[in-house]
Protein backbone atom coordinates (compact mmCIF):
# COMPACT_ATOMS: atom_id res chain seq x y z
CA MET A 1 -6.47 -13.59 -4.32
CA SER A 2 -7.26 -10.10 -6.13
CA LEU A 3 -4.77 -6.71 -6.16
CA ILE A 4 -6.86 -4.96 -4.16
CA GLU A 5 -7.60 -7.86 -1.40
CA ARG A 6 -3.70 -7.47 -0.75
CA ILE A 7 -4.34 -4.08 1.07
CA THR A 8 -5.71 -4.11 4.17
CA ILE A 9 -6.98 -1.95 7.12
CA ASN A 10 -6.60 -2.69 10.78
CA PRO A 11 -6.85 -0.34 13.64
CA GLU A 12 -4.04 -2.57 15.25
CA ILE A 13 -1.63 -2.49 12.50
CA CYS A 14 0.25 0.85 11.91
CA HIS A 15 -2.39 3.00 13.37
CA GLY A 16 -4.85 1.99 10.64
CA LYS A 17 -3.18 2.88 7.65
CA PRO A 18 -3.30 0.64 5.04
CA THR A 19 -0.94 -2.04 4.53
CA ILE A 20 0.28 -4.92 2.42
CA ARG A 21 -1.58 -8.30 3.69
CA GLY A 22 -1.76 -7.14 7.28
CA LEU A 23 2.03 -6.90 7.50
CA ARG A 24 3.77 -3.64 8.80
CA TYR A 25 4.36 -2.11 5.21
CA PRO A 26 2.09 0.46 4.73
CA VAL A 27 0.82 1.42 1.09
CA GLU A 28 2.64 5.16 1.71
CA MET A 29 6.17 3.87 2.47
CA ILE A 30 5.90 1.74 -0.60
CA LEU A 31 4.65 4.82 -3.08
CA GLU A 32 7.71 6.66 -1.66
CA LEU A 33 10.08 4.06 -2.30
CA LEU A 34 8.90 3.97 -5.99
CA SER A 35 8.71 8.00 -6.09
CA SER A 36 12.15 8.06 -5.26
CA GLY A 37 12.94 6.09 -8.00
CA MET A 38 13.66 2.48 -6.34
CA THR A 39 12.45 -0.06 -8.91
CA ILE A 40 10.08 -2.93 -7.77
CA ASP A 41 12.73 -5.26 -8.03
CA GLU A 42 15.07 -3.37 -5.97
CA ILE A 43 12.02 -2.85 -3.10
CA LEU A 44 11.90 -6.90 -3.16
CA VAL A 45 15.43 -7.30 -2.61
CA ASP A 46 15.28 -5.11 0.35
CA TYR A 47 11.90 -6.24 1.59
CA GLN A 48 12.15 -9.83 0.92
CA ASP A 49 8.70 -11.27 2.71
CA LEU A 50 6.95 -8.64 -0.05
CA GLU A 51 5.87 -10.37 -3.81
CA ARG A 52 5.63 -8.28 -7.21
CA GLU A 53 1.87 -8.58 -6.86
CA ASP A 54 1.95 -6.63 -3.63
CA ILE A 55 3.96 -3.62 -5.00
CA LEU A 56 1.16 -3.93 -8.02
CA ALA A 57 -1.63 -4.01 -5.35
CA VAL A 58 -0.11 -0.47 -3.55
CA LEU A 59 -0.09 0.69 -7.40
CA SER A 60 -3.97 -0.37 -7.75
CA PHE A 61 -4.97 0.92 -4.78
CA ALA A 62 -3.29 4.15 -5.27
CA ALA A 63 -5.06 4.64 -8.61
CA ARG A 64 -7.86 3.69 -7.11
CA PHE A 65 -7.90 6.47 -4.31
CA CYS A 66 -7.27 9.22 -7.12
CA GLN A 67 -10.66 8.20 -8.29
CA ILE A 68 -12.59 9.57 -5.45
CA LYS A 69 -14.31 12.19 -5.76
CA HIS A 70 -15.20 13.30 -2.52
CA LEU A 71 -13.81 12.91 1.06
CA GLU A 72 -16.18 13.27 3.90
CA PRO A 73 -14.42 14.95 7.25
CA VAL A 74 -14.54 12.75 10.16
CA SER A 75 -14.73 13.88 13.03
CA VAL A 76 -12.79 13.01 16.12
């Protein structure tokens, strides 16, 4: 499984937000933990069903998302 394949989007899980492997860990939450100063090892201790590759996938996803040049608004 490539890193980016670890990030899944399912409308039935976390309101369709990107999550890690279909678990209820939104990418956004992991980014917030990292930005608060937690290390990867600290996150892995607190969330034992996550793997190091999951955290790296979150960072890869965020990097790719930042490369998007233009977002189209979606009408609801």
